[in-house]
C-alpha cells in the first residue's frame, strides 16, 4: 500500500474514535505536533491512543471529508474537515473542526505528523 493509500485508509476508518483501530495505523514511535485553536501540544503513542479513547466517550460516529491530499515519496499532506455525531444527539452530524496535517510514513504507519486545526 502506498503512503497516500495508508493515510486515506486511516481517515476512512473509525481510528479517530476507536483506540483499538488506531493501533493498526500508528507507529510505536509516533510524534504528532499539533497547533490548535487553543495552543500547541505534542502527542506520542500513548497520548494519541488516549485522545482516541476520549473522543470515543463523546462521539458515536466520526466522519472525515478530505478536500485535498498530496503525496510525495513517504510524505502525505491532507486537508480535511472532521464531522461527528454526539452520544446526546446521534442523528445530527456536526462539524468538529478543520485540519491540515503533513504525515511522514514509516514502516507503513503514521510516524511523524505536523497538524494545524481550527474549531468550527
N, C-alpha and C. Protein backbone atom coordinates (compact mmCIF):
# COMPACT_ATOMS: atom_id res chain seq x y z
N UNK A 1 0.84 -1.17 0.00
CA UNK A 1 0.00 0.00 0.00
C UNK A 1 0.89 1.25 0.00
N UNK A 2 0.53 2.23 -0.79
CA UNK A 2 1.31 3.46 -0.88
C UNK A 2 1.06 4.33 0.36
N UNK A 3 1.97 5.26 0.66
CA UNK A 3 1.74 6.18 1.78
C UNK A 3 0.41 6.93 1.66
N UNK A 4 0.06 7.36 0.47
CA UNK A 4 -1.20 8.06 0.26
C UNK A 4 -2.39 7.15 0.60
N UNK A 5 -2.32 5.90 0.17
CA UNK A 5 -3.40 4.96 0.46
C UNK A 5 -3.50 4.66 1.96
N UNK A 6 -2.37 4.62 2.65
CA UNK A 6 -2.38 4.40 4.11
C UNK A 6 -3.11 5.55 4.79
N UNK A 7 -2.79 6.78 4.41
CA UNK A 7 -3.44 7.95 5.02
C UNK A 7 -4.93 7.97 4.69
N UNK A 8 -5.28 7.68 3.45
CA UNK A 8 -6.70 7.64 3.08
C UNK A 8 -7.45 6.57 3.88
N UNK A 9 -6.86 5.42 4.01
CA UNK A 9 -7.50 4.33 4.76
C UNK A 9 -7.66 4.72 6.24
N UNK A 10 -6.65 5.38 6.80
CA UNK A 10 -6.71 5.85 8.18
C UNK A 10 -7.91 6.76 8.39
N UNK A 11 -8.06 7.76 7.54
CA UNK A 11 -9.13 8.73 7.72
C UNK A 11 -10.51 8.18 7.34
N UNK A 12 -10.56 7.13 6.56
CA UNK A 12 -11.85 6.50 6.24
C UNK A 12 -12.28 5.53 7.33
N UNK A 13 -11.37 5.13 8.18
CA UNK A 13 -11.68 4.18 9.26
C UNK A 13 -12.26 4.92 10.46
N UNK A 14 -12.55 4.17 11.51
CA UNK A 14 -13.01 4.75 12.78
C UNK A 14 -11.85 5.00 13.73
N UNK A 15 -10.65 5.05 13.23
CA UNK A 15 -9.46 5.17 14.08
C UNK A 15 -9.49 6.40 14.99
N UNK A 16 -10.05 7.50 14.51
CA UNK A 16 -10.04 8.71 15.32
C UNK A 16 -10.86 8.58 16.60
N UNK A 17 -11.83 7.66 16.60
CA UNK A 17 -12.64 7.46 17.81
C UNK A 17 -12.60 6.02 18.32
N UNK A 18 -11.62 5.26 17.88
CA UNK A 18 -11.52 3.87 18.33
C UNK A 18 -10.05 3.54 18.60
N UNK A 19 -9.71 3.45 19.87
CA UNK A 19 -8.33 3.19 20.29
C UNK A 19 -7.77 1.88 19.78
N UNK A 20 -8.62 0.90 19.54
CA UNK A 20 -8.13 -0.38 19.01
C UNK A 20 -7.82 -0.28 17.53
N UNK A 21 -8.65 0.41 16.78
CA UNK A 21 -8.44 0.57 15.34
C UNK A 21 -7.21 1.42 15.08
N UNK A 22 -7.03 2.48 15.87
CA UNK A 22 -5.91 3.40 15.62
C UNK A 22 -4.56 2.70 15.77
N UNK A 23 -4.50 1.67 16.60
CA UNK A 23 -3.25 0.92 16.80
C UNK A 23 -2.73 0.33 15.50
N UNK A 24 -3.63 0.02 14.58
CA UNK A 24 -3.23 -0.55 13.29
C UNK A 24 -2.53 0.47 12.40
N UNK A 25 -2.70 1.75 12.68
CA UNK A 25 -2.21 2.80 11.80
C UNK A 25 -1.03 3.59 12.33
N UNK A 26 -0.82 3.60 13.64
CA UNK A 26 0.22 4.48 14.18
C UNK A 26 1.48 3.70 14.56
N UNK A 27 2.59 4.30 14.26
CA UNK A 27 3.91 3.75 14.56
C UNK A 27 4.15 3.82 16.07
N UNK A 28 4.83 2.85 16.66
CA UNK A 28 5.10 2.90 18.11
C UNK A 28 5.88 4.13 18.55
N UNK A 29 6.61 4.75 17.63
CA UNK A 29 7.40 5.94 17.95
C UNK A 29 6.77 7.22 17.39
N UNK A 30 5.45 7.19 17.16
CA UNK A 30 4.76 8.35 16.59
C UNK A 30 4.96 9.60 17.44
N UNK A 31 5.13 10.71 16.76
CA UNK A 31 5.12 12.03 17.38
C UNK A 31 4.22 12.91 16.50
N UNK A 32 3.24 13.54 17.11
CA UNK A 32 2.35 14.45 16.40
C UNK A 32 2.44 15.83 17.05
N UNK A 33 2.96 16.79 16.31
CA UNK A 33 2.99 18.19 16.75
C UNK A 33 1.70 18.83 16.27
N UNK A 34 0.90 19.34 17.20
CA UNK A 34 -0.43 19.84 16.88
C UNK A 34 -0.59 21.28 17.35
N UNK A 35 -0.77 22.17 16.40
CA UNK A 35 -1.10 23.56 16.68
C UNK A 35 -2.61 23.71 16.49
N UNK A 36 -3.31 23.90 17.60
CA UNK A 36 -4.77 24.01 17.55
C UNK A 36 -5.20 25.43 17.88
N UNK A 37 -6.49 25.64 17.85
CA UNK A 37 -7.04 26.95 18.21
C UNK A 37 -6.70 27.32 19.64
N UNK A 38 -6.43 26.34 20.47
CA UNK A 38 -6.15 26.59 21.89
C UNK A 38 -4.68 26.53 22.25
N UNK A 39 -3.80 26.23 21.28
CA UNK A 39 -2.38 26.20 21.56
C UNK A 39 -1.69 24.98 20.97
N UNK A 40 -0.44 24.79 21.40
CA UNK A 40 0.41 23.71 20.87
C UNK A 40 0.43 22.54 21.85
N UNK A 41 0.30 21.33 21.29
CA UNK A 41 0.53 20.11 22.07
C UNK A 41 1.35 19.15 21.23
N UNK A 42 2.10 18.31 21.91
CA UNK A 42 2.85 17.25 21.24
C UNK A 42 2.37 15.93 21.80
N UNK A 43 1.97 15.05 20.89
CA UNK A 43 1.42 13.76 21.28
C UNK A 43 2.36 12.63 20.89
N UNK A 44 2.52 11.66 21.80
CA UNK A 44 3.26 10.44 21.49
C UNK A 44 2.26 9.30 21.34
N UNK A 45 2.74 8.09 21.27
CA UNK A 45 1.89 6.93 21.04
C UNK A 45 0.76 6.84 22.06
N UNK A 46 1.10 6.88 23.33
CA UNK A 46 0.07 6.76 24.38
C UNK A 46 -0.89 7.93 24.37
N UNK A 47 -0.40 9.12 24.09
CA UNK A 47 -1.27 10.30 24.04
C UNK A 47 -2.27 10.20 22.89
N UNK A 48 -1.82 9.68 21.75
CA UNK A 48 -2.72 9.51 20.60
C UNK A 48 -3.79 8.48 20.93
N UNK A 49 -3.40 7.38 21.57
CA UNK A 49 -4.38 6.37 21.98
C UNK A 49 -5.39 6.95 22.97
N UNK A 50 -4.88 7.70 23.95
CA UNK A 50 -5.77 8.31 24.95
C UNK A 50 -6.74 9.28 24.30
N UNK A 51 -6.26 10.08 23.34
CA UNK A 51 -7.14 11.02 22.65
C UNK A 51 -8.25 10.29 21.91
N UNK A 52 -7.89 9.22 21.22
CA UNK A 52 -8.88 8.43 20.50
C UNK A 52 -9.92 7.85 21.46
N UNK A 53 -9.48 7.35 22.59
CA UNK A 53 -10.40 6.79 23.59
C UNK A 53 -11.29 7.87 24.20
N UNK A 54 -10.76 9.07 24.40
CA UNK A 54 -11.57 10.18 24.93
C UNK A 54 -12.63 10.60 23.91
N UNK A 55 -12.25 10.66 22.64
CA UNK A 55 -13.23 11.00 21.60
C UNK A 55 -14.34 9.96 21.53
N UNK A 56 -13.98 8.71 21.75
CA UNK A 56 -14.96 7.61 21.73
C UNK A 56 -16.02 7.79 22.81
N UNK A 57 -15.64 8.39 23.93
CA UNK A 57 -16.59 8.61 25.03
C UNK A 57 -17.65 9.66 24.67
N UNK A 58 -17.31 10.59 23.79
CA UNK A 58 -18.22 11.68 23.47
C UNK A 58 -18.97 11.50 22.15
N UNK A 59 -18.39 10.74 21.22
CA UNK A 59 -18.96 10.66 19.88
C UNK A 59 -19.25 9.21 19.48
N UNK A 60 -20.41 9.02 18.84
CA UNK A 60 -20.79 7.69 18.38
C UNK A 60 -20.38 7.44 16.93
N UNK A 61 -20.10 8.52 16.23
CA UNK A 61 -19.72 8.39 14.82
C UNK A 61 -18.75 9.50 14.47
N UNK A 62 -17.81 9.18 13.62
CA UNK A 62 -16.81 10.13 13.16
C UNK A 62 -16.67 9.99 11.65
N UNK A 63 -16.65 11.11 10.97
CA UNK A 63 -16.51 11.07 9.51
C UNK A 63 -15.57 12.18 9.09
N UNK A 64 -14.64 11.83 8.23
CA UNK A 64 -13.67 12.79 7.70
C UNK A 64 -13.96 13.01 6.23
N UNK A 65 -14.03 14.29 5.86
CA UNK A 65 -14.19 14.64 4.45
C UNK A 65 -12.91 15.32 3.98
N UNK A 66 -12.17 14.60 3.17
CA UNK A 66 -10.89 15.11 2.65
C UNK A 66 -11.16 16.00 1.44
N UNK A 67 -10.59 17.20 1.48
CA UNK A 67 -10.73 18.10 0.33
C UNK A 67 -9.47 18.11 -0.53
N UNK A 68 -8.30 17.88 0.11
CA UNK A 68 -7.03 17.86 -0.62
C UNK A 68 -6.13 16.79 -0.02
N UNK A 69 -5.43 16.08 -0.89
CA UNK A 69 -4.42 15.12 -0.44
C UNK A 69 -3.31 15.08 -1.48
N UNK A 70 -2.09 15.28 -1.01
CA UNK A 70 -0.93 15.34 -1.90
C UNK A 70 0.15 14.44 -1.30
N UNK A 71 0.76 13.62 -2.13
CA UNK A 71 1.78 12.71 -1.64
C UNK A 71 3.05 12.83 -2.48
N UNK A 72 4.17 12.74 -1.78
CA UNK A 72 5.48 12.69 -2.43
C UNK A 72 6.35 11.76 -1.61
N UNK A 73 6.74 10.67 -2.23
CA UNK A 73 7.53 9.64 -1.54
C UNK A 73 6.78 9.19 -0.28
N UNK A 74 7.39 9.33 0.90
CA UNK A 74 6.73 8.86 2.13
C UNK A 74 6.07 10.00 2.92
N UNK A 75 5.86 11.14 2.29
CA UNK A 75 5.23 12.30 2.92
C UNK A 75 3.86 12.52 2.27
N UNK A 76 2.83 12.68 3.14
CA UNK A 76 1.47 12.90 2.65
C UNK A 76 0.88 14.10 3.38
N UNK A 77 0.38 15.06 2.61
CA UNK A 77 -0.31 16.22 3.17
C UNK A 77 -1.79 16.07 2.90
N UNK A 78 -2.59 16.33 3.91
CA UNK A 78 -4.03 16.17 3.76
C UNK A 78 -4.76 17.32 4.45
N UNK A 79 -5.77 17.83 3.78
CA UNK A 79 -6.65 18.86 4.34
C UNK A 79 -8.03 18.25 4.43
N UNK A 80 -8.63 18.34 5.62
CA UNK A 80 -9.92 17.68 5.80
C UNK A 80 -10.77 18.39 6.84
N UNK A 81 -12.05 18.06 6.83
CA UNK A 81 -12.99 18.51 7.84
C UNK A 81 -13.46 17.27 8.59
N UNK A 82 -13.55 17.40 9.92
CA UNK A 82 -13.92 16.27 10.77
C UNK A 82 -15.33 16.50 11.30
N UNK A 83 -16.22 15.59 10.96
CA UNK A 83 -17.61 15.64 11.41
C UNK A 83 -17.86 14.53 12.42
N UNK A 84 -18.72 14.80 13.39
CA UNK A 84 -19.02 13.82 14.43
C UNK A 84 -20.51 13.81 14.72
N UNK A 85 -20.94 12.72 15.34
CA UNK A 85 -22.29 12.61 15.91
C UNK A 85 -22.11 12.34 17.39
N UNK A 86 -22.77 13.13 18.22
CA UNK A 86 -22.61 13.00 19.66
C UNK A 86 -23.50 11.91 20.23
N UNK A 87 -23.13 11.46 21.41
CA UNK A 87 -23.94 10.47 22.12
C UNK A 87 -25.31 11.06 22.43
N UNK A 88 -25.34 12.34 22.78
CA UNK A 88 -26.59 13.00 23.13
C UNK A 88 -27.54 13.16 21.94
N UNK A 89 -26.97 13.34 20.76
CA UNK A 89 -27.79 13.56 19.57
C UNK A 89 -27.19 12.80 18.38
N UNK A 90 -27.34 11.47 18.35
CA UNK A 90 -26.69 10.66 17.32
C UNK A 90 -27.24 10.85 15.90
N UNK A 91 -28.33 11.56 15.76
CA UNK A 91 -28.91 11.77 14.43
C UNK A 91 -28.35 13.01 13.73
N UNK A 92 -27.76 13.91 14.51
CA UNK A 92 -27.27 15.15 13.94
C UNK A 92 -25.75 15.11 13.77
N UNK A 93 -25.32 15.33 12.55
CA UNK A 93 -23.89 15.41 12.27
C UNK A 93 -23.44 16.86 12.42
N UNK A 94 -22.36 17.04 13.19
CA UNK A 94 -21.85 18.40 13.38
C UNK A 94 -20.38 18.47 12.99
N UNK A 95 -20.00 19.62 12.49
CA UNK A 95 -18.61 19.86 12.12
C UNK A 95 -17.81 20.13 13.38
N UNK A 96 -16.82 19.31 13.64
CA UNK A 96 -15.97 19.47 14.81
C UNK A 96 -14.87 20.50 14.55
N UNK A 97 -14.12 20.31 13.45
CA UNK A 97 -13.02 21.22 13.14
C UNK A 97 -12.50 20.97 11.74
N UNK A 98 -11.70 21.93 11.27
CA UNK A 98 -10.98 21.80 10.01
C UNK A 98 -9.51 21.52 10.34
N UNK A 99 -8.87 20.67 9.55
CA UNK A 99 -7.50 20.25 9.81
C UNK A 99 -6.65 20.30 8.55
N UNK A 100 -5.37 20.51 8.75
CA UNK A 100 -4.37 20.24 7.72
C UNK A 100 -3.22 19.56 8.44
N UNK A 101 -2.74 18.48 7.85
CA UNK A 101 -1.68 17.71 8.50
C UNK A 101 -0.72 17.18 7.44
N UNK A 102 0.53 17.15 7.82
CA UNK A 102 1.58 16.54 6.99
C UNK A 102 2.05 15.30 7.74
N UNK A 103 1.93 14.15 7.11
CA UNK A 103 2.34 12.89 7.73
C UNK A 103 3.58 12.33 7.06
N UNK A 104 4.51 11.85 7.85
CA UNK A 104 5.61 11.04 7.36
C UNK A 104 5.25 9.59 7.67
N UNK A 105 5.34 8.74 6.67
CA UNK A 105 5.01 7.33 6.83
C UNK A 105 6.31 6.53 6.98
N UNK A 106 6.33 5.67 7.99
CA UNK A 106 7.49 4.81 8.23
C UNK A 106 6.97 3.42 8.59
N UNK A 107 7.51 2.40 7.97
CA UNK A 107 7.07 1.03 8.20
C UNK A 107 5.57 0.87 7.97
N UNK A 108 5.05 1.58 6.98
CA UNK A 108 3.63 1.56 6.61
C UNK A 108 2.71 2.06 7.72
N UNK A 109 3.21 2.96 8.56
CA UNK A 109 2.41 3.52 9.66
C UNK A 109 2.66 5.02 9.75
N UNK A 110 1.70 5.72 10.39
CA UNK A 110 1.85 7.15 10.64
C UNK A 110 2.95 7.33 11.67
N UNK A 111 4.02 8.03 11.29
CA UNK A 111 5.21 8.12 12.13
C UNK A 111 5.42 9.53 12.70
N UNK A 112 5.41 10.53 11.84
CA UNK A 112 5.67 11.91 12.28
C UNK A 112 4.62 12.80 11.65
N UNK A 113 3.92 13.57 12.48
CA UNK A 113 2.86 14.41 11.98
C UNK A 113 2.99 15.85 12.43
N UNK A 114 2.59 16.74 11.56
CA UNK A 114 2.56 18.18 11.83
C UNK A 114 1.15 18.65 11.46
N UNK A 115 0.37 19.01 12.47
CA UNK A 115 -1.05 19.25 12.27
C UNK A 115 -1.45 20.64 12.78
N UNK A 116 -2.36 21.26 12.03
CA UNK A 116 -2.99 22.51 12.47
C UNK A 116 -4.49 22.32 12.36
N UNK A 117 -5.21 22.88 13.34
CA UNK A 117 -6.66 22.75 13.30
C UNK A 117 -7.31 24.05 13.75
N UNK A 118 -8.56 24.20 13.32
CA UNK A 118 -9.36 25.32 13.74
C UNK A 118 -10.77 24.80 14.02
N UNK A 119 -11.23 25.07 15.21
CA UNK A 119 -12.57 24.63 15.60
C UNK A 119 -13.59 25.35 14.72
N UNK A 120 -14.64 24.63 14.36
CA UNK A 120 -15.67 25.19 13.52
C UNK A 120 -16.46 26.26 14.27
